[in-house]
């Protein structure tokens, strides 16, 4: 990705309000809608990207409309370029890139995006999956691989971000995972 982009996200406790928020934030600024859908536990998730000012404006507009339905939100300027393909589930992981496995799990979908971005910025890891809240009870998780020291550093950075948000569920580093572990990741 040649251009630096900003990512923003809102997690809402109401599906109906989620649709209303989505409409409002798309009207508020020139942003690209990456994900907008219902998620487990009857929640609604919206993820957008664009320029810093547009994403901040859109998220602010969404927060105003959301009121008490807002569960979590974020704006990350200069998001690491590896977040987008991992979020879009489009990362192909060649055998030679497989190393240690790092897993970070959060109680919410929005918090895992912040955690994954922190991991990618802190260490030389390959983010190959960011899973936000579908078929896992509204939780989020990210998967990363690389050299053991890098994966430990990435998991540590991601865990700290999730812990600061009060949403860390677990973090795991597997130094020499069996290759089959990489065949299926939901």
Protein backbone atom coordinates (compact mmCIF):
# COMPACT_ATOMS: atom_id res chain seq x y z
CA UNK A 1 0.00 0.00 0.00
CA UNK A 2 1.63 3.21 -1.17
CA UNK A 3 -0.49 5.71 0.74
CA UNK A 4 -0.78 6.02 4.49
CA UNK A 5 -4.37 5.59 5.54
CA UNK A 6 -6.33 6.00 8.71
CA UNK A 7 -8.71 3.38 10.01
CA UNK A 8 -11.71 4.00 12.23
CA UNK A 9 -14.15 1.62 13.86
CA UNK A 10 -17.30 1.64 15.96
CA UNK A 11 -18.87 -1.28 17.81
CA UNK A 12 -22.49 -0.79 18.81
CA UNK A 13 -24.89 -2.67 21.06
CA UNK A 14 -27.85 -2.12 18.72
CA UNK A 15 -28.31 -3.27 15.15
CA UNK A 16 -30.89 -0.60 14.32
CA UNK A 17 -28.74 2.17 15.73
CA UNK A 18 -25.80 0.61 13.87
CA UNK A 19 -27.53 1.19 10.55
CA UNK A 20 -28.38 4.74 11.56
CA UNK A 21 -24.79 5.42 12.65
CA UNK A 22 -23.42 3.92 9.44
CA UNK A 23 -25.62 6.21 7.33
CA UNK A 24 -24.64 9.28 9.35
CA UNK A 25 -20.90 8.69 9.28
CA UNK A 26 -20.92 8.02 5.53
CA UNK A 27 -22.72 11.34 5.03
CA UNK A 28 -20.33 13.16 7.37
CA UNK A 29 -17.07 12.61 5.47
CA UNK A 30 -15.38 11.08 2.46
CA UNK A 31 -14.53 7.64 3.88
CA UNK A 32 -14.41 4.12 2.47
CA UNK A 33 -16.59 1.53 4.15
CA UNK A 34 -14.51 -1.60 4.80
CA UNK A 35 -16.92 -3.57 7.01
CA UNK A 36 -20.45 -2.87 8.18
CA UNK A 37 -22.39 -5.82 9.53
CA UNK A 38 -24.15 -7.44 12.38
CA UNK A 39 -21.87 -9.42 14.63
CA UNK A 40 -22.35 -11.98 17.37
CA UNK A 41 -24.26 -11.11 20.50
CA UNK A 42 -26.61 -8.82 18.56
CA UNK A 43 -24.05 -6.08 17.97
CA UNK A 44 -23.15 -4.01 14.90
CA UNK A 45 -19.61 -3.31 13.66
CA UNK A 46 -18.51 -0.52 11.32
CA UNK A 47 -14.94 -0.17 10.02
CA UNK A 48 -13.94 2.68 7.71
CA UNK A 49 -10.75 4.12 6.25
CA UNK A 50 -9.67 7.36 4.64
CA UNK A 51 -7.70 10.47 5.47
CA UNK A 52 -7.08 11.33 9.13
CA UNK A 53 -9.46 14.29 9.10
CA UNK A 54 -12.24 12.44 7.26
CA UNK A 55 -12.07 9.38 9.51
CA UNK A 56 -12.02 11.52 12.67
CA UNK A 57 -15.03 13.51 11.39
CA UNK A 58 -16.97 10.38 10.47
CA UNK A 59 -16.25 8.61 13.76
CA UNK A 60 -17.22 11.73 15.74
CA UNK A 61 -20.50 11.93 13.83
CA UNK A 62 -21.11 8.23 14.49
CA UNK A 63 -20.39 8.63 18.21
CA UNK A 64 -22.91 11.48 18.48
CA UNK A 65 -25.66 9.39 16.89
CA UNK A 66 -24.73 6.21 18.81
CA UNK A 67 -25.11 7.71 22.29
CA UNK A 68 -25.57 4.86 24.80
CA UNK A 69 -25.29 2.15 22.12
CA UNK A 70 -21.55 2.79 21.71
CA UNK A 71 -19.48 -0.11 23.07
CA UNK A 72 -16.04 0.71 21.68
CA UNK A 73 -14.43 2.97 19.09
CA UNK A 74 -11.05 3.79 17.65
CA UNK A 75 -9.21 5.95 15.17
CA UNK A 76 -5.71 4.87 14.15
CA UNK A 77 -3.82 7.39 12.00
CA UNK A 78 -1.05 5.82 9.90
CA UNK A 79 -2.32 2.29 10.40
CA UNK A 80 0.31 -0.34 9.57
CA UNK A 81 -0.09 -1.50 5.96
CA UNK A 82 -0.37 -5.16 6.99
CA UNK A 83 -3.62 -4.53 8.89
CA UNK A 84 -5.73 -4.15 5.74
CA UNK A 85 -4.92 -7.49 4.07
CA UNK A 86 -5.12 -9.36 7.40
CA UNK A 87 -8.49 -7.76 8.11
CA UNK A 88 -9.65 -8.62 4.60
CA UNK A 89 -8.51 -12.22 5.06
CA UNK A 90 -6.44 -11.99 1.89
CA UNK A 91 -3.02 -12.96 3.25
CA UNK A 92 -1.46 -16.01 1.60
CA UNK A 93 1.12 -17.48 3.94
CA UNK A 94 3.89 -19.33 2.06
CA UNK A 95 5.53 -22.23 3.91
CA UNK A 96 8.84 -20.38 4.18
CA UNK A 97 7.13 -17.55 6.09
CA UNK A 98 5.73 -19.83 8.77
CA UNK A 99 7.51 -19.48 12.08
CA UNK A 100 6.34 -19.09 15.63
CA UNK A 101 2.63 -18.46 16.05
CA UNK A 102 1.24 -15.57 18.07
CA UNK A 103 -2.42 -15.30 19.02
CA UNK A 104 -4.06 -12.36 20.77
CA UNK A 105 -7.74 -12.53 21.70
CA UNK A 106 -9.98 -9.70 22.88
CA UNK A 107 -13.51 -9.38 24.18
CA UNK A 108 -14.47 -7.05 21.32
CA UNK A 109 -13.98 -6.65 17.60
CA UNK A 110 -12.73 -3.07 17.63
CA UNK A 111 -10.02 -3.68 20.24
CA UNK A 112 -8.37 -6.41 18.17
CA UNK A 113 -7.71 -3.95 15.35
CA UNK A 114 -5.83 -1.66 17.72
CA UNK A 115 -3.94 -4.64 19.13
CA UNK A 116 -2.97 -5.99 15.69
CA UNK A 117 -1.75 -2.58 14.57
CA UNK A 118 0.42 -2.34 17.69
CA UNK A 119 1.90 -5.79 17.02
CA UNK A 120 2.77 -4.94 13.42
CA UNK A 121 4.39 -1.67 14.45
CA UNK A 122 6.35 -3.18 17.34
CA UNK A 123 7.92 -6.21 15.68
CA UNK A 124 8.81 -7.87 12.39
CA UNK A 125 5.80 -10.14 12.29
CA UNK A 126 3.50 -11.18 9.50
CA UNK A 127 -0.11 -10.50 10.44
CA UNK A 128 -2.08 -13.10 8.55
CA UNK A 129 -5.48 -12.91 10.16
CA UNK A 130 -7.54 -10.32 12.03
CA UNK A 131 -10.90 -11.83 12.86
CA UNK A 132 -13.53 -9.42 14.15
CA UNK A 133 -16.43 -10.81 16.08
CA UNK A 134 -18.10 -13.27 13.67
CA UNK A 135 -18.87 -16.81 14.87
CA UNK A 136 -16.89 -16.32 18.07
CA UNK A 137 -19.33 -14.62 20.43
CA UNK A 138 -18.39 -11.06 19.53
CA UNK A 139 -14.71 -11.50 20.37
CA UNK A 140 -11.77 -10.66 18.15
CA UNK A 141 -8.44 -12.33 17.55
CA UNK A 142 -5.35 -11.82 15.46
CA UNK A 143 -2.78 -14.31 14.26
CA UNK A 144 0.84 -13.48 13.49
CA UNK A 145 3.96 -15.41 12.59
CA UNK A 146 7.69 -14.79 12.42
CA UNK A 147 10.85 -15.42 14.39
CA UNK A 148 10.13 -16.31 18.02
CA UNK A 149 11.57 -13.08 19.47
CA UNK A 150 9.57 -10.98 17.01
CA UNK A 151 6.35 -12.87 17.72
CA UNK A 152 6.90 -12.48 21.46
CA UNK A 153 7.42 -8.74 21.00
CA UNK A 154 4.36 -8.44 18.74
CA UNK A 155 2.14 -10.39 21.12
CA UNK A 156 3.41 -8.33 24.05
CA UNK A 157 2.65 -5.03 22.29
CA UNK A 158 -0.78 -6.21 21.15
CA UNK A 159 -1.62 -7.54 24.59
CA UNK A 160 -0.67 -4.28 26.25
CA UNK A 161 -2.96 -2.27 23.95
CA UNK A 162 -5.86 -4.67 24.60
CA UNK A 163 -5.14 -4.67 28.35
CA UNK A 164 -5.18 -0.85 28.43
CA UNK A 165 -8.60 -0.96 26.76
CA UNK A 166 -9.73 -3.48 29.40
CA UNK A 167 -10.50 -6.12 26.76
CA UNK A 168 -7.64 -8.64 26.71
CA UNK A 169 -8.93 -12.23 26.80
CA UNK A 170 -5.71 -14.14 26.15
CA UNK A 171 -2.35 -14.05 24.45
CA UNK A 172 -0.35 -17.07 23.36
CA UNK A 173 2.99 -17.68 21.67
CA UNK A 174 3.70 -21.13 20.24
CA UNK A 175 7.42 -21.36 19.38
CA UNK A 176 7.32 -24.34 16.99
CA UNK A 177 3.72 -24.98 15.98
CA UNK A 178 2.73 -28.02 13.99
CA UNK A 179 2.22 -26.98 10.33
CA UNK A 180 -1.42 -28.16 10.39
CA UNK A 181 -2.24 -25.27 12.74
CA UNK A 182 -1.85 -22.90 9.78
CA UNK A 183 -4.19 -24.82 7.47
CA UNK A 184 -7.43 -23.48 8.89
CA UNK A 185 -7.95 -20.31 10.84
CA UNK A 186 -11.73 -19.93 10.87
